[in-house]
Amino acid sequence: MDLLTRTEEIILLSVHELRDSAYGVTIRDLAADLTGRRWSIGAIYVPLDRLTRNGFLKSHSGDPTHQRGGRRKRLYRLTAKGVTALKETKELQDKLWAAIPGVSALRPRPV
């Protein structure tokens, strides 16, 4: 089982949702929308590189555009290994939450 960090999970889910338009900026924007927090571009690209190196994502260069000064976007897509890792991570989270009776009613304990 490949355990994902929360950041990796959010990024993989964002890539899945964005499909053919998944590149650094769109991934960062969706992650911000989903989590309600601001993400630096480095907080996206470092895990993207690691996820690609580890086979959870594939990347390729898009066509150059005038808006980007002729530069290409690096586009990402999930691999079968990435889909499996997401499913296993969800199953583990569900199992952990289900294993603790009353976890949905968590309250701070008095000190």
Protein backbone atom coordinates (compact mmCIF):
# COMPACT_ATOMS: atom_id res chain seq x y z
CA MET A 1 0.00 0.00 0.00
CA ASP A 2 1.27 3.45 -0.95
CA LEU A 3 0.27 5.90 1.78
CA LEU A 4 -0.23 9.44 0.55
CA THR A 5 0.30 12.59 2.54
CA ARG A 6 -2.70 14.91 2.79
CA THR A 7 -1.02 17.32 0.34
CA GLU A 8 -0.41 14.51 -2.16
CA GLU A 9 -4.01 13.38 -1.80
CA ILE A 10 -5.33 16.91 -2.45
CA ILE A 11 -3.08 17.31 -5.49
CA LEU A 12 -4.04 13.93 -6.97
CA LEU A 13 -7.73 14.65 -6.42
CA SER A 14 -7.29 18.06 -8.07
CA VAL A 15 -5.54 16.50 -11.09
CA HIS A 16 -8.38 13.99 -11.38
CA GLU A 17 -11.02 16.73 -11.28
CA LEU A 18 -9.21 19.02 -13.73
CA ARG A 19 -8.60 16.24 -16.28
CA ASP A 20 -7.03 17.72 -19.43
CA SER A 21 -6.47 21.17 -17.90
CA ALA A 22 -4.39 20.03 -14.91
CA TYR A 23 -1.23 22.13 -14.72
CA GLY A 24 0.47 23.92 -11.82
CA VAL A 25 -1.70 27.03 -11.62
CA THR A 26 -5.06 25.29 -12.10
CA ILE A 27 -4.07 22.61 -9.58
CA ARG A 28 -3.08 25.31 -7.08
CA ASP A 29 -6.32 27.22 -7.64
CA LEU A 30 -8.50 24.13 -7.17
CA ALA A 31 -6.54 23.05 -4.08
CA ALA A 32 -7.11 26.54 -2.63
CA ASP A 33 -10.84 26.34 -3.39
CA LEU A 34 -11.12 22.88 -1.84
CA THR A 35 -9.14 23.64 1.32
CA GLY A 36 -9.87 27.32 1.86
CA ARG A 37 -6.18 28.12 2.20
CA ARG A 38 -3.60 29.82 0.00
CA TRP A 39 -1.02 27.52 -1.63
CA SER A 40 2.37 28.71 -2.84
CA ILE A 41 3.41 27.47 -6.24
CA GLY A 42 6.29 25.59 -4.58
CA ALA A 43 3.81 23.76 -2.35
CA ILE A 44 2.31 22.41 -5.57
CA TYR A 45 5.34 21.78 -7.79
CA VAL A 46 7.50 19.93 -5.26
CA PRO A 47 4.83 17.25 -4.62
CA LEU A 48 3.94 17.19 -8.35
CA ASP A 49 7.56 16.32 -9.15
CA ARG A 50 7.63 13.64 -6.43
CA LEU A 51 4.28 12.16 -7.51
CA THR A 52 5.50 12.03 -11.11
CA ARG A 53 8.84 10.46 -10.12
CA ASN A 54 7.00 7.83 -8.06
CA GLY A 55 4.63 6.94 -10.91
CA PHE A 56 1.37 8.37 -9.51
CA LEU A 57 1.23 10.99 -12.27
CA LYS A 58 2.40 11.32 -15.86
CA SER A 59 3.27 14.69 -17.32
CA HIS A 60 3.65 16.07 -20.80
CA SER A 61 4.14 19.46 -22.41
CA GLY A 62 1.14 21.22 -23.87
CA ASP A 63 1.20 23.40 -26.96
CA PRO A 64 2.94 26.77 -26.70
CA THR A 65 0.60 29.76 -26.36
CA HIS A 66 0.95 33.47 -27.11
CA GLN A 67 -0.42 34.31 -23.64
CA ARG A 68 2.56 32.49 -22.10
CA GLY A 69 5.12 34.10 -24.41
CA GLY A 70 5.40 30.93 -26.48
CA ARG A 71 6.10 28.73 -23.46
CA ARG A 72 4.46 25.36 -22.97
CA LYS A 73 2.41 24.27 -19.97
CA ARG A 74 3.40 21.09 -18.12
CA LEU A 75 0.15 19.09 -17.97
CA TYR A 76 -0.48 16.22 -15.56
CA ARG A 77 -2.73 13.16 -15.51
CA LEU A 78 -3.31 10.36 -13.03
CA THR A 79 -1.81 6.95 -13.68
CA ALA A 80 -3.37 3.64 -12.63
CA LYS A 81 -0.94 3.65 -9.68
CA GLY A 82 -2.22 7.11 -8.68
CA VAL A 83 -5.86 5.98 -8.82
CA THR A 84 -5.02 2.92 -6.70
CA ALA A 85 -3.17 5.05 -4.14
CA LEU A 86 -6.16 7.41 -3.84
CA LYS A 87 -8.57 4.51 -3.35
CA GLU A 88 -6.32 2.84 -0.78
CA THR A 89 -5.89 6.11 1.10
CA LYS A 90 -9.67 6.63 1.25
CA GLU A 91 -10.25 3.04 2.37
CA LEU A 92 -7.65 3.43 5.13
CA GLN A 93 -9.17 6.71 6.31
CA ASP A 94 -12.66 5.18 6.36
CA LYS A 95 -11.32 2.16 8.28
CA LEU A 96 -9.53 4.36 10.83
CA TRP A 97 -12.59 6.54 11.43
CA ALA A 98 -14.89 3.51 11.68
CA ALA A 99 -12.57 1.78 14.17
CA ILE A 100 -13.07 4.46 16.83
CA PRO A 101 -16.54 4.40 18.36
CA GLY A 102 -18.04 7.86 18.72
CA VAL A 103 -15.35 9.58 16.66
CA SER A 104 -17.95 11.71 14.90
CA ALA A 105 -18.76 13.32 18.27
CA LEU A 106 -15.16 14.24 19.12
CA ARG A 107 -14.78 16.89 21.78
CA PRO A 108 -11.70 18.24 23.52
CA ARG A 109 -10.97 16.45 26.79
CA PRO A 110 -10.58 18.58 29.91
CA VAL A 111 -6.98 18.93 31.08
